Amino acid sequence: MVKYLVLALILVDVVLNVAGQLSLKYGMSQLGNFAISLTTLPPVFMKAATNFHVILGLFCYGMGFMVWLIVLAKAEVSYAYPMISLGYVFTAILAKVLFGEAVTLTRMGGILITCLGVFIIARS
């Protein structure tokens, strides 16, 4: 029973991290195009710090961190940490769906290999 609860918590952490990453991406895309220099970055950081989606993304990361602490207390890190790679899969798929990002055949192959690795670890 504990193993399934830990697995559920790992999945909650993955969902929070994916939501955080996508929220940060959306929030930063709202800032528009900007040059990267020492003079332009402080105003960009200030805009990012007050953007709702950036704040939401940071909140999701913070909640995910709290869930992850519980996972670490209950599971072997060699079991739990590779499961986090599921976040790469979900993030890539949702980035394509939500933002129209290119997910090439090579990326899809990498995603499938990642899924296989996670499946093997989950069964151990």
PDB file of N, CA and C in Angstrom:
ATOM      1  N   MET A   1       0.821  -1.205   0.000  1.00  0.00           N
ATOM      2  CA  MET A   1       0.000   0.000   0.000  1.00  0.00           C
ATOM      3  C   MET A   1       0.860   1.262   0.000  1.00  0.00           C
ATOM      4  N   VAL A   2       1.920   1.245   0.826  1.00  0.00           N
ATOM      5  CA  VAL A   2       2.796   2.410   0.903  1.00  0.00           C
ATOM      6  C   VAL A   2       3.456   2.667  -0.447  1.00  0.00           C
ATOM      7  N   LYS A   3       3.829   1.589  -1.158  1.00  0.00           N
ATOM      8  CA  LYS A   3       4.476   1.746  -2.461  1.00  0.00           C
ATOM      9  C   LYS A   3       3.558   2.483  -3.441  1.00  0.00           C
ATOM     10  N   TYR A   4       2.266   2.148  -3.416  1.00  0.00           N
ATOM     11  CA  TYR A   4       1.324   2.817  -4.316  1.00  0.00           C
ATOM     12  C   TYR A   4       1.094   4.265  -3.907  1.00  0.00           C
ATOM     13  N   LEU A   5       1.096   4.523  -2.619  1.00  0.00           N
ATOM     14  CA  LEU A   5       0.953   5.899  -2.148  1.00  0.00           C
ATOM     15  C   LEU A   5       2.164   6.734  -2.542  1.00  0.00           C
ATOM     16  N   VAL A   6       3.346   6.149  -2.410  1.00  0.00           N
ATOM     17  CA  VAL A   6       4.569   6.851  -2.826  1.00  0.00           C
ATOM     18  C   VAL A   6       4.530   7.104  -4.329  1.00  0.00           C
ATOM     19  N   LEU A   7       4.115   6.110  -5.099  1.00  0.00           N
ATOM     20  CA  LEU A   7       4.008   6.288  -6.546  1.00  0.00           C
ATOM     21  C   LEU A   7       3.016   7.404  -6.880  1.00  0.00           C
ATOM     22  N   ALA A   8       1.900   7.462  -6.164  1.00  0.00           N
ATOM     23  CA  ALA A   8       0.920   8.531  -6.372  1.00  0.00           C
ATOM     24  C   ALA A   8       1.528   9.894  -6.046  1.00  0.00           C
ATOM     25  N   LEU A   9       2.295   9.966  -4.967  1.00  0.00           N
ATOM     26  CA  LEU A   9       2.941  11.235  -4.600  1.00  0.00           C
ATOM     27  C   LEU A   9       3.978  11.644  -5.645  1.00  0.00           C
ATOM     28  N   ILE A  10       4.689  10.670  -6.192  1.00  0.00           N
ATOM     29  CA  ILE A  10       5.646  10.980  -7.254  1.00  0.00           C
ATOM     30  C   ILE A  10       4.908  11.556  -8.453  1.00  0.00           C
ATOM     31  N   LEU A  11       3.782  10.989  -8.802  1.00  0.00           N
ATOM     32  CA  LEU A  11       2.999  11.498  -9.933  1.00  0.00           C
ATOM     33  C   LEU A  11       2.440  12.893  -9.646  1.00  0.00           C
ATOM     34  N   VAL A  12       2.042  13.141  -8.403  1.00  0.00           N
ATOM     35  CA  VAL A  12       1.595  14.487  -8.019  1.00  0.00           C
ATOM     36  C   VAL A  12       2.747  15.474  -8.202  1.00  0.00           C
ATOM     37  N   ASP A  13       3.939  15.068  -7.786  1.00  0.00           N
ATOM     38  CA  ASP A  13       5.113  15.922  -7.950  1.00  0.00           C
ATOM     39  C   ASP A  13       5.379  16.190  -9.426  1.00  0.00           C
ATOM     40  N   VAL A  14       5.279  15.162 -10.249  1.00  0.00           N
ATOM     41  CA  VAL A  14       5.489  15.330 -11.693  1.00  0.00           C
ATOM     42  C   VAL A  14       4.469  16.314 -12.262  1.00  0.00           C
ATOM     43  N   VAL A  15       3.212  16.165 -11.899  1.00  0.00           N
ATOM     44  CA  VAL A  15       2.161  17.058 -12.396  1.00  0.00           C
ATOM     45  C   VAL A  15       2.432  18.499 -11.964  1.00  0.00           C
ATOM     46  N   LEU A  16       2.824  18.680 -10.718  1.00  0.00           N
ATOM     47  CA  LEU A  16       3.122  20.036 -10.231  1.00  0.00           C
ATOM     48  C   LEU A  16       4.310  20.635 -10.973  1.00  0.00           C
ATOM     49  N   ASN A  17       5.332  19.833 -11.236  1.00  0.00           N
ATOM     50  CA  ASN A  17       6.494  20.348 -11.956  1.00  0.00           C
ATOM     51  C   ASN A  17       6.169  20.673 -13.406  1.00  0.00           C
ATOM     52  N   VAL A  18       5.366  19.836 -14.048  1.00  0.00           N
ATOM     53  CA  VAL A  18       4.957  20.110 -15.432  1.00  0.00           C
ATOM     54  C   VAL A  18       4.099  21.380 -15.476  1.00  0.00           C
ATOM     55  N   ALA A  19       3.152  21.477 -14.569  1.00  0.00           N
ATOM     56  CA  ALA A  19       2.310  22.681 -14.508  1.00  0.00           C
ATOM     57  C   ALA A  19       3.167  23.923 -14.250  1.00  0.00           C
ATOM     58  N   GLY A  20       4.128  23.789 -13.375  1.00  0.00           N
ATOM     59  CA  GLY A  20       5.022  24.910 -13.086  1.00  0.00           C
ATOM     60  C   GLY A  20       5.817  25.329 -14.306  1.00  0.00           C
ATOM     61  N   GLN A  21       6.390  24.358 -15.001  1.00  0.00           N
ATOM     62  CA  GLN A  21       7.202  24.657 -16.184  1.00  0.00           C
ATOM     63  C   GLN A  21       6.366  25.316 -17.284  1.00  0.00           C
ATOM     64  N   LEU A  22       5.187  24.782 -17.534  1.00  0.00           N
ATOM     65  CA  LEU A  22       4.334  25.346 -18.583  1.00  0.00           C
ATOM     66  C   LEU A  22       3.806  26.723 -18.202  1.00  0.00           C
ATOM     67  N   SER A  23       3.519  26.913 -16.928  1.00  0.00           N
ATOM     68  CA  SER A  23       3.062  28.220 -16.465  1.00  0.00           C
ATOM     69  C   SER A  23       4.175  29.255 -16.586  1.00  0.00           C
ATOM     70  N   LEU A  24       5.391  28.864 -16.226  1.00  0.00           N
ATOM     71  CA  LEU A  24       6.534  29.778 -16.377  1.00  0.00           C
ATOM     72  C   LEU A  24       6.742  30.136 -17.849  1.00  0.00           C
ATOM     73  N   LYS A  25       6.656  29.147 -18.716  1.00  0.00           N
ATOM     74  CA  LYS A  25       6.830  29.390 -20.149  1.00  0.00           C
ATOM     75  C   LYS A  25       5.769  30.364 -20.661  1.00  0.00           C
ATOM     76  N   TYR A  26       4.519  30.134 -20.277  1.00  0.00           N
ATOM     77  CA  TYR A  26       3.448  31.019 -20.724  1.00  0.00           C
ATOM     78  C   TYR A  26       3.645  32.436 -20.182  1.00  0.00           C
ATOM     79  N   GLY A  27       3.971  32.525 -18.911  1.00  0.00           N
ATOM     80  CA  GLY A  27       4.198  33.842 -18.313  1.00  0.00           C
ATOM     81  C   GLY A  27       5.330  34.599 -18.976  1.00  0.00           C
ATOM     82  N   MET A  28       6.419  33.912 -19.260  1.00  0.00           N
ATOM     83  CA  MET A  28       7.554  34.583 -19.891  1.00  0.00           C
ATOM     84  C   MET A  28       7.258  34.946 -21.346  1.00  0.00           C
ATOM     85  N   SER A  29       6.418  34.152 -22.007  1.00  0.00           N
ATOM     86  CA  SER A  29       6.063  34.494 -23.389  1.00  0.00           C
ATOM     87  C   SER A  29       5.200  35.750 -23.441  1.00  0.00           C
ATOM     88  N   GLN A  30       4.513  36.047 -22.351  1.00  0.00           N
ATOM     89  CA  GLN A  30       3.708  37.262 -22.294  1.00  0.00           C
ATOM     90  C   GLN A  30       4.572  38.524 -22.193  1.00  0.00           C
ATOM     91  N   LEU A  31       5.822  38.363 -21.790  1.00  0.00           N
ATOM     92  CA  LEU A  31       6.702  39.534 -21.658  1.00  0.00           C
ATOM     93  C   LEU A  31       7.182  40.041 -23.007  1.00  0.00           C
ATOM     94  N   GLY A  32       7.037  39.221 -24.028  1.00  0.00           N
ATOM     95  CA  GLY A  32       7.459  39.652 -25.361  1.00  0.00           C
ATOM     96  C   GLY A  32       8.946  39.438 -25.579  1.00  0.00           C
ATOM     97  N   ASN A  33       9.405  39.890 -26.738  1.00  0.00           N
ATOM     98  CA  ASN A  33      10.806  39.742 -27.108  1.00  0.00           C
ATOM     99  C   ASN A  33      11.648  40.801 -26.386  1.00  0.00           C
ATOM    100  N   PHE A  34      12.789  40.384 -25.880  1.00  0.00           N
ATOM    101  CA  PHE A  34      13.687  41.336 -25.228  1.00  0.00           C
ATOM    102  C   PHE A  34      15.125  40.916 -25.460  1.00  0.00           C
ATOM    103  N   ALA A  35      15.999  41.906 -25.436  1.00  0.00           N
ATOM    104  CA  ALA A  35      17.426  41.637 -25.598  1.00  0.00           C
ATOM    105  C   ALA A  35      18.003  41.155 -24.270  1.00  0.00           C
ATOM    106  N   ILE A  36      19.005  40.340 -24.355  1.00  0.00           N
ATOM    107  CA  ILE A  36      19.660  39.847 -23.150  1.00  0.00           C
ATOM    108  C   ILE A  36      20.935  40.660 -22.940  1.00  0.00           C
ATOM    109  N   SER A  37      20.883  41.560 -21.962  1.00  0.00           N
ATOM    110  CA  SER A  37      22.045  42.363 -21.595  1.00  0.00           C
ATOM    111  C   SER A  37      21.903  42.764 -20.128  1.00  0.00           C
ATOM    112  N   LEU A  38      22.961  43.255 -19.565  1.00  0.00           N
ATOM    113  CA  LEU A  38      22.925  43.649 -18.150  1.00  0.00           C
ATOM    114  C   LEU A  38      21.941  44.778 -17.884  1.00  0.00           C
ATOM    115  N   THR A  39      21.689  45.607 -18.872  1.00  0.00           N
ATOM    116  CA  THR A  39      20.763  46.723 -18.662  1.00  0.00           C
ATOM    117  C   THR A  39      19.300  46.332 -18.869  1.00  0.00           C
ATOM    118  N   THR A  40      19.042  45.337 -19.713  1.00  0.00           N
ATOM    119  CA  THR A  40      17.647  44.962 -19.979  1.00  0.00           C
ATOM    120  C   THR A  40      17.114  43.910 -19.015  1.00  0.00           C
ATOM    121  N   LEU A  41      17.995  43.134 -18.410  1.00  0.00           N
ATOM    122  CA  LEU A  41      17.515  42.042 -17.557  1.00  0.00           C
ATOM    123  C   LEU A  41      16.809  42.478 -16.273  1.00  0.00           C
ATOM    124  N   PRO A  42      17.293  43.493 -15.543  1.00  0.00           N
ATOM    125  CA  PRO A  42      16.548  43.887 -14.331  1.00  0.00           C
ATOM    126  C   PRO A  42      15.087  44.241 -14.582  1.00  0.00           C
ATOM    127  N   PRO A  43      14.753  45.037 -15.619  1.00  0.00           N
ATOM    128  CA  PRO A  43      13.329  45.289 -15.871  1.00  0.00           C
ATOM    129  C   PRO A  43      12.561  44.016 -16.266  1.00  0.00           C
ATOM    130  N   VAL A  44      13.214  43.125 -16.989  1.00  0.00           N
ATOM    131  CA  VAL A  44      12.559  41.866 -17.364  1.00  0.00           C
ATOM    132  C   VAL A  44      12.268  41.046 -16.113  1.00  0.00           C
ATOM    133  N   PHE A  45      13.235  40.970 -15.206  1.00  0.00           N
ATOM    134  CA  PHE A  45      13.022  40.233 -13.954  1.00  0.00           C
ATOM    135  C   PHE A  45      11.889  40.850 -13.133  1.00  0.00           C
ATOM    136  N   MET A  46      11.797  42.160 -13.135  1.00  0.00           N
ATOM    137  CA  MET A  46      10.723  42.826 -12.394  1.00  0.00           C
ATOM    138  C   MET A  46       9.351  42.510 -13.016  1.00  0.00           C
ATOM    139  N   LYS A  47       9.300  42.523 -14.346  1.00  0.00           N
ATOM    140  CA  LYS A  47       8.040  42.165 -15.013  1.00  0.00           C
ATOM    141  C   LYS A  47       7.692  40.702 -14.731  1.00  0.00           C
ATOM    142  N   ALA A  48       8.685  39.839 -14.777  1.00  0.00           N
ATOM    143  CA  ALA A  48       8.447  38.415 -14.518  1.00  0.00           C
ATOM    144  C   ALA A  48       7.971  38.205 -13.085  1.00  0.00           C
ATOM    145  N   ALA A  49       8.552  38.942 -12.150  1.00  0.00           N
ATOM    146  CA  ALA A  49       8.212  38.779 -10.739  1.00  0.00           C
ATOM    147  C   ALA A  49       6.782  39.205 -10.424  1.00  0.00           C
ATOM    148  N   THR A  50       6.187  39.980 -11.299  1.00  0.00           N
ATOM    149  CA  THR A  50       4.808  40.431 -11.071  1.00  0.00           C
ATOM    150  C   THR A  50       3.812  39.782 -12.037  1.00  0.00           C
ATOM    151  N   ASN A  51       4.285  38.858 -12.865  1.00  0.00           N
ATOM    152  CA  ASN A  51       3.412  38.178 -13.814  1.00  0.00           C
ATOM    153  C   ASN A  51       2.709  37.021 -13.107  1.00  0.00           C
ATOM    154  N   PHE A  52       1.387  36.966 -13.224  1.00  0.00           N
ATOM    155  CA  PHE A  52       0.598  35.946 -12.540  1.00  0.00           C
ATOM    156  C   PHE A  52       1.067  34.530 -12.878  1.00  0.00           C
ATOM    157  N   HIS A  53       1.312  34.265 -14.145  1.00  0.00           N
ATOM    158  CA  HIS A  53       1.675  32.908 -14.560  1.00  0.00           C
ATOM    159  C   HIS A  53       3.069  32.518 -14.070  1.00  0.00           C
ATOM    160  N   VAL A  54       3.964  33.465 -13.992  1.00  0.00           N
ATOM    161  CA  VAL A  54       5.287  33.181 -13.424  1.00  0.00           C
ATOM    162  C   VAL A  54       5.143  32.875 -11.937  1.00  0.00           C
ATOM    163  N   ILE A  55       4.360  33.651 -11.242  1.00  0.00           N
ATOM    164  CA  ILE A  55       4.131  33.410  -9.806  1.00  0.00           C
ATOM    165  C   ILE A  55       3.455  32.053  -9.608  1.00  0.00           C
ATOM    166  N   LEU A  56       2.473  31.743 -10.446  1.00  0.00           N
ATOM    167  CA  LEU A  56       1.799  30.442 -10.366  1.00  0.00           C
ATOM    168  C   LEU A  56       2.791  29.306 -10.607  1.00  0.00           C
ATOM    169  N   GLY A  57       3.657  29.465 -11.583  1.00  0.00           N
ATOM    170  CA  GLY A  57       4.674  28.451 -11.866  1.00  0.00           C
ATOM    171  C   GLY A  57       5.599  28.229 -10.684  1.00  0.00           C
ATOM    172  N   LEU A  58       6.025  29.308 -10.055  1.00  0.00           N
ATOM    173  CA  LEU A  58       6.885  29.192  -8.869  1.00  0.00           C
ATOM    174  C   LEU A  58       6.145  28.528  -7.714  1.00  0.00           C
ATOM    175  N   PHE A  59       4.859  28.835  -7.575  1.00  0.00           N
ATOM    176  CA  PHE A  59       4.040  28.194  -6.542  1.00  0.00           C
ATOM    177  C   PHE A  59       3.957  26.686  -6.786  1.00  0.00           C
ATOM    178  N   CYS A  60       3.726  26.299  -8.038  1.00  0.00           N
ATOM    179  CA  CYS A  60       3.667  24.870  -8.372  1.00  0.00           C
ATOM    180  C   CYS A  60       4.988  24.184  -8.049  1.00  0.00           C
ATOM    181  N   TYR A  61       6.095  24.831  -8.388  1.00  0.00           N
ATOM    182  CA  TYR A  61       7.410  24.272  -8.053  1.00  0.00           C
ATOM    183  C   TYR A  61       7.570  24.127  -6.546  1.00  0.00           C
ATOM    184  N   GLY A  62       7.134  25.123  -5.804  1.00  0.00           N
ATOM    185  CA  GLY A  62       7.236  25.067  -4.339  1.00  0.00           C
ATOM    186  C   GLY A  62       6.415  23.936  -3.752  1.00  0.00           C
ATOM    187  N   MET A  63       5.200  23.766  -4.250  1.00  0.00           N
ATOM    188  CA  MET A  63       4.358  22.667  -3.773  1.00  0.00           C
ATOM    189  C   MET A  63       4.955  21.318  -4.167  1.00  0.00           C
ATOM    190  N   GLY A  64       5.489  21.257  -5.364  1.00  0.00           N
ATOM    191  CA  GLY A  64       6.146  20.034  -5.810  1.00  0.00           C
ATOM    192  C   GLY A  64       7.332  19.689  -4.930  1.00  0.00           C
ATOM    193  N   PHE A  65       8.072  20.695  -4.522  1.00  0.00           N
ATOM    194  CA  PHE A  65       9.208  20.493  -3.623  1.00  0.00           C
ATOM    195  C   PHE A  65       8.747  19.906  -2.296  1.00  0.00           C
ATOM    196  N   MET A  66       7.640  20.401  -1.769  1.00  0.00           N
ATOM    197  CA  MET A  66       7.119  19.891  -0.501  1.00  0.00           C
ATOM    198  C   MET A  66       6.687  18.425  -0.644  1.00  0.00           C
ATOM    199  N   VAL A  67       6.028  18.100  -1.745  1.00  0.00           N
ATOM    200  CA  VAL A  67       5.630  16.716  -2.004  1.00  0.00           C
ATOM    201  C   VAL A  67       6.874  15.837  -2.147  1.00  0.00           C
ATOM    202  N   TRP A  68       7.882  16.365  -2.838  1.00  0.00           N
ATOM    203  CA  TRP A  68       9.112  15.608  -3.058  1.00  0.00           C
ATOM    204  C   TRP A  68       9.813  15.269  -1.737  1.00  0.00           C
ATOM    205  N   LEU A  69       9.773  16.171  -0.790  1.00  0.00           N
ATOM    206  CA  LEU A  69      10.370  15.890   0.521  1.00  0.00           C
ATOM    207  C   LEU A  69       9.710  14.679   1.176  1.00  0.00           C
ATOM    208  N   ILE A  70       8.394  14.587   1.051  1.00  0.00           N
ATOM    209  CA  ILE A  70       7.674  13.434   1.610  1.00  0.00           C
ATOM    210  C   ILE A  70       8.077  12.157   0.868  1.00  0.00           C
ATOM    211  N   VAL A  71       8.192  12.253  -0.449  1.00  0.00           N
ATOM    212  CA  VAL A  71       8.618  11.093  -1.243  1.00  0.00           C
ATOM    213  C   VAL A  71       9.993  10.618  -0.791  1.00  0.00           C
ATOM    214  N   LEU A  72      10.913  11.548  -0.611  1.00  0.00           N
ATOM    215  CA  LEU A  72      12.273  11.178  -0.203  1.00  0.00           C
ATOM    216  C   LEU A  72      12.304  10.510   1.167  1.00  0.00           C
ATOM    217  N   ALA A  73      11.364  10.874   2.016  1.00  0.00           N
ATOM    218  CA  ALA A  73      11.311  10.269   3.346  1.00  0.00           C
ATOM    219  C   ALA A  73      10.787   8.835   3.287  1.00  0.00           C
ATOM    220  N   LYS A  74      10.059   8.482   2.225  1.00  0.00           N
ATOM    221  CA  LYS A  74       9.391   7.181   2.163  1.00  0.00           C
ATOM    222  C   LYS A  74       9.922   6.235   1.088  1.00  0.00           C
ATOM    223  N   ALA A  75      10.751   6.724   0.172  1.00  0.00           N
ATOM    224  CA  ALA A  75      11.198   5.878  -0.938  1.00  0.00           C
ATOM    225  C   ALA A  75      12.698   6.020  -1.145  1.00  0.00           C
ATOM    226  N   GLU A  76      13.261   5.002  -1.766  1.00  0.00           N
ATOM    227  CA  GLU A  76      14.666   5.079  -2.154  1.00  0.00           C
ATOM    228  C   GLU A  76      14.796   6.100  -3.282  1.00  0.00           C
ATOM    229  N   VAL A  77      15.784   6.950  -3.168  1.00  0.00           N
ATOM    230  CA  VAL A  77      15.962   7.994  -4.178  1.00  0.00           C
ATOM    231  C   VAL A  77      16.306   7.366  -5.534  1.00  0.00           C
ATOM    232  N   SER A  78      16.961   6.209  -5.542  1.00  0.00           N
ATOM    233  CA  SER A  78      17.292   5.542  -6.799  1.00  0.00           C
ATOM    234  C   SER A  78      16.043   5.011  -7.499  1.00  0.00           C
ATOM    235  N   TYR A  79      14.965   4.838  -6.769  1.00  0.00           N
ATOM    236  CA  TYR A  79      13.672   4.452  -7.349  1.00  0.00           C
ATOM    237  C   TYR A  79      12.877   5.694  -7.743  1.00  0.00           C
ATOM    238  N   ALA A  80      12.810   6.655  -6.836  1.00  0.00           N
ATOM    239  CA  ALA A  80      11.927   7.804  -7.019  1.00  0.00           C
ATOM    240  C   ALA A  80      12.435   8.801  -8.063  1.00  0.00           C
ATOM    241  N   TYR A  81      13.713   9.105  -8.030  1.00  0.00           N
ATOM    242  CA  TYR A  81      14.219  10.184  -8.880  1.00  0.00           C
ATOM    243  C   TYR A  81      14.057   9.909 -10.374  1.00  0.00           C
ATOM    244  N   PRO A  82      14.340   8.691 -10.852  1.00  0.00           N
ATOM    245  CA  PRO A  82      14.116   8.465 -12.292  1.00  0.00           C
ATOM    246  C   PRO A  82      12.671   8.661 -12.725  1.00  0.00           C
ATOM    247  N   MET A  83      11.737   8.484 -11.798  1.00  0.00           N
ATOM    248  CA  MET A  83      10.324   8.683 -12.142  1.00  0.00           C
ATOM    249  C   MET A  83      10.027  10.137 -12.516  1.00  0.00           C
ATOM    250  N   ILE A  84      10.821  11.032 -12.004  1.00  0.00           N
ATOM    251  CA  ILE A  84      10.639  12.453 -12.308  1.00  0.00           C
ATOM    252  C   ILE A  84      10.800  12.705 -13.806  1.00  0.00           C
ATOM    253  N   SER A  85      11.510  11.810 -14.488  1.00  0.00           N
ATOM    254  CA  SER A  85      11.704  11.995 -15.925  1.00  0.00           C
ATOM    255  C   SER A  85      10.393  11.920 -16.700  1.00  0.00           C
ATOM    256  N   LEU A  86       9.346  11.402 -16.076  1.00  0.00           N
ATOM    257  CA  LEU A  86       8.035  11.452 -16.730  1.00  0.00           C
ATOM    258  C   LEU A  86       7.621  12.894 -17.016  1.00  0.00           C
ATOM    259  N   GLY A  87       8.116  13.802 -16.213  1.00  0.00           N
ATOM    260  CA  GLY A  87       7.830  15.214 -16.441  1.00  0.00           C
ATOM    261  C   GLY A  87       8.319  15.684 -17.805  1.00  0.00           C
ATOM    262  N   TYR A  88       9.450  15.133 -18.262  1.00  0.00           N
ATOM    263  CA  TYR A  88       9.957  15.488 -19.588  1.00  0.00           C
ATOM    264  C   TYR A  88       8.971  15.076 -20.669  1.00  0.00           C
ATOM    265  N   VAL A  89       8.387  13.912 -20.488  1.00  0.00           N
ATOM    266  CA  VAL A  89       7.433  13.395 -21.464  1.00  0.00           C
ATOM    267  C   VAL A  89       6.204  14.295 -21.524  1.00  0.00           C
ATOM    268  N   PHE A  90       5.593  14.517 -20.364  1.00  0.00           N
ATOM    269  CA  PHE A  90       4.371  15.322 -20.326  1.00  0.00           C
ATOM    270  C   PHE A  90       4.625  16.756 -20.761  1.00  0.00           C
ATOM    271  N   THR A  91       5.765  17.310 -20.377  1.00  0.00           N
ATOM    272  CA  THR A  91       6.083  18.680 -20.757  1.00  0.00           C
ATOM    273  C   THR A  91       6.229  18.804 -22.269  1.00  0.00           C
ATOM    274  N   ALA A  92       6.924  17.854 -22.880  1.00  0.00           N
ATOM    275  CA  ALA A  92       7.114  17.909 -24.336  1.00  0.00           C
ATOM    276  C   ALA A  92       5.777  17.797 -25.067  1.00  0.00           C
ATOM    277  N   ILE A  93       4.956  16.871 -24.640  1.00  0.00           N
ATOM    278  CA  ILE A  93       3.654  16.682 -25.304  1.00  0.00           C
ATOM    279  C   ILE A  93       2.784  17.919 -25.135  1.00  0.00           C
ATOM    280  N   LEU A  94       2.706  18.433 -23.914  1.00  0.00           N
ATOM    281  CA  LEU A  94       1.865  19.607 -23.675  1.00  0.00           C
ATOM    282  C   LEU A  94       2.442  20.868 -24.315  1.00  0.00           C
ATOM    283  N   ALA A  95       3.759  20.963 -24.424  1.00  0.00           N
ATOM    284  CA  ALA A  95       4.360  22.115 -25.108  1.00  0.00           C
ATOM    285  C   ALA A  95       3.959  22.118 -26.582  1.00  0.00           C
ATOM    286  N   LYS A  96       3.881  20.940 -27.163  1.00  0.00           N
ATOM    287  CA  LYS A  96       3.432  20.851 -28.558  1.00  0.00           C
ATOM    288  C   LYS A  96       1.967  21.247 -28.668  1.00  0.00           C
ATOM    289  N   VAL A  97       1.141  20.727 -27.776  1.00  0.00           N
ATOM    290  CA  VAL A  97      -0.302  20.980 -27.832  1.00  0.00           C
ATOM    291  C   VAL A  97      -0.619  22.438 -27.500  1.00  0.00           C
ATOM    292  N   LEU A  98      -0.029  22.955 -26.433  1.00  0.00           N
ATOM    293  CA  LEU A  98      -0.389  24.289 -25.950  1.00  0.00           C
ATOM    294  C   LEU A  98       0.338  25.425 -26.655  1.00  0.00           C
ATOM    295  N   PHE A  99       1.617  25.194 -26.998  1.00  0.00           N
ATOM    296  CA  PHE A  99       2.429  26.278 -27.552  1.00  0.00           C
ATOM    297  C   PHE A  99       2.832  26.056 -29.007  1.00  0.00           C
ATOM    298  N   GLY A 100       2.446  24.908 -29.560  1.00  0.00           N
ATOM    299  CA  GLY A 100       2.796  24.624 -30.946  1.00  0.00           C
ATOM    300  C   GLY A 100       4.271  24.377 -31.161  1.00  0.00           C
ATOM    301  N   GLU A 101       4.971  23.938 -30.122  1.00  0.00           N
ATOM    302  CA  GLU A 101       6.407  23.688 -30.253  1.00  0.00           C
ATOM    303  C   GLU A 101       6.650  22.449 -31.112  1.00  0.00           C
ATOM    304  N   ALA A 102       7.798  22.425 -31.769  1.00  0.00           N
ATOM    305  CA  ALA A 102       8.147  21.301 -32.635  1.00  0.00           C
ATOM    306  C   ALA A 102       8.588  20.115 -31.782  1.00  0.00           C
ATOM    307  N   VAL A 103       7.920  19.003 -31.962  1.00  0.00           N
ATOM    308  CA  VAL A 103       8.337  17.756 -31.315  1.00  0.00           C
ATOM    309  C   VAL A 103       8.658  16.795 -32.455  1.00  0.00           C
ATOM    310  N   THR A 104       9.935  16.722 -32.771  1.00  0.00           N
ATOM    311  CA  THR A 104      10.387  15.946 -33.922  1.00  0.00           C
ATOM    312  C   THR A 104      10.354  14.452 -33.624  1.00  0.00           C
ATOM    313  N   LEU A 105      10.577  13.664 -34.649  1.00  0.00           N
ATOM    314  CA  LEU A 105      10.637  12.218 -34.506  1.00  0.00           C
ATOM    315  C   LEU A 105      11.758  11.820 -33.547  1.00  0.00           C
ATOM    316  N   THR A 106      12.864  12.519 -33.612  1.00  0.00           N
ATOM    317  CA  THR A 106      13.977  12.240 -32.699  1.00  0.00           C
ATOM    318  C   THR A 106      13.569  12.504 -31.259  1.00  0.00           C
ATOM    319  N   ARG A 107      12.884  13.600 -31.019  1.00  0.00           N
ATOM    320  CA  ARG A 107      12.414  13.899 -29.662  1.00  0.00           C
ATOM    321  C   ARG A 107      11.405  12.854 -29.198  1.00  0.00           C
ATOM    322  N   MET A 108      10.509  12.460 -30.095  1.00  0.00           N
ATOM    323  CA  MET A 108       9.530  11.436 -29.731  1.00  0.00           C
ATOM    324  C   MET A 108      10.228  10.120 -29.389  1.00  0.00           C
ATOM    325  N   GLY A 109      11.278   9.785 -30.133  1.00  0.00           N
ATOM    326  CA  GLY A 109      12.051   8.583 -29.827  1.00  0.00           C
ATOM    327  C   GLY A 109      12.671   8.665 -28.447  1.00  0.00           C
ATOM    328  N   GLY A 110      13.217   9.809 -28.121  1.00  0.00           N
ATOM    329  CA  GLY A 110      13.785  10.010 -26.787  1.00  0.00           C
ATOM    330  C   GLY A 110      12.727   9.902 -25.701  1.00  0.00           C
ATOM    331  N   ILE A 111      11.550  10.421 -25.984  1.00  0.00           N
ATOM    332  CA  ILE A 111      10.435  10.336 -25.031  1.00  0.00           C
ATOM    333  C   ILE A 111      10.038   8.878 -24.811  1.00  0.00           C
ATOM    334  N   LEU A 112       9.971   8.109 -25.886  1.00  0.00           N
ATOM    335  CA  LEU A 112       9.616   6.693 -25.759  1.00  0.00           C
ATOM    336  C   LEU A 112      10.672   5.912 -24.971  1.00  0.00           C
ATOM    337  N   ILE A 113      11.936   6.208 -25.202  1.00  0.00           N
ATOM    338  CA  ILE A 113      13.006   5.559 -24.438  1.00  0.00           C
ATOM    339  C   ILE A 113      12.893   5.927 -22.958  1.00  0.00           C
ATOM    340  N   THR A 114      12.577   7.175 -22.686  1.00  0.00           N
ATOM    341  CA  THR A 114      12.374   7.621 -21.307  1.00  0.00           C
ATOM    342  C   THR A 114      11.233   6.850 -20.654  1.00  0.00           C
ATOM    343  N   CYS A 115      10.137   6.711 -21.367  1.00  0.00           N
ATOM    344  CA  CYS A 115       8.980   5.964 -20.841  1.00  0.00           C
ATOM    345  C   CYS A 115       9.352   4.519 -20.543  1.00  0.00           C
ATOM    346  N   LEU A 116      10.102   3.904 -21.439  1.00  0.00           N
ATOM    347  CA  LEU A 116      10.522   2.526 -21.214  1.00  0.00           C
ATOM    348  C   LEU A 116      11.383   2.412 -19.965  1.00  0.00           C
ATOM    349  N   GLY A 117      12.302   3.341 -19.803  1.00  0.00           N
ATOM    350  CA  GLY A 117      13.155   3.330 -18.616  1.00  0.00           C
ATOM    351  C   GLY A 117      12.352   3.498 -17.330  1.00  0.00           C
ATOM    352  N   VAL A 118      11.401   4.383 -17.335  1.00  0.00           N
ATOM    353  CA  VAL A 118      10.559   4.600 -16.160  1.00  0.00           C
ATOM    354  C   VAL A 118       9.729   3.351 -15.870  1.00  0.00           C
ATOM    355  N   PHE A 119       9.219   2.716 -16.907  1.00  0.00           N
ATOM    356  CA  PHE A 119       8.442   1.481 -16.729  1.00  0.00           C
ATOM    357  C   PHE A 119       9.294   0.395 -16.084  1.00  0.00           C
ATOM    358  N   ILE A 120      10.515   0.250 -16.554  1.00  0.00           N
ATOM    359  CA  ILE A 120      11.416  -0.760 -15.992  1.00  0.00           C
ATOM    360  C   ILE A 120      11.719  -0.469 -14.521  1.00  0.00           C
ATOM    361  N   ILE A 121      11.974   0.775 -14.203  1.00  0.00           N
ATOM    362  CA  ILE A 121      12.276   1.152 -12.811  1.00  0.00           C
ATOM    363  C   ILE A 121      11.056   0.941 -11.930  1.00  0.00           C
ATOM    364  N   ALA A 122       9.873   1.286 -12.422  1.00  0.00           N
ATOM    365  CA  ALA A 122       8.648   1.168 -11.623  1.00  0.00           C
ATOM    366  C   ALA A 122       8.363  -0.293 -11.262  1.00  0.00           C
ATOM    367  N   ARG A 123       8.773  -1.197 -12.119  1.00  0.00           N
ATOM    368  CA  ARG A 123       8.528  -2.613 -11.869  1.00  0.00           C
ATOM    369  C   ARG A 123       9.555  -3.232 -10.927  1.00  0.00           C
ATOM    370  N   SER A 124      10.597  -2.513 -10.603  1.00  0.00           N
ATOM    371  CA  SER A 124      11.642  -3.092  -9.737  1.00  0.00           C
ATOM    372  C   SER A 124      11.300  -3.004  -8.275  1.00  0.00           C
TER     373      SER A 124
END
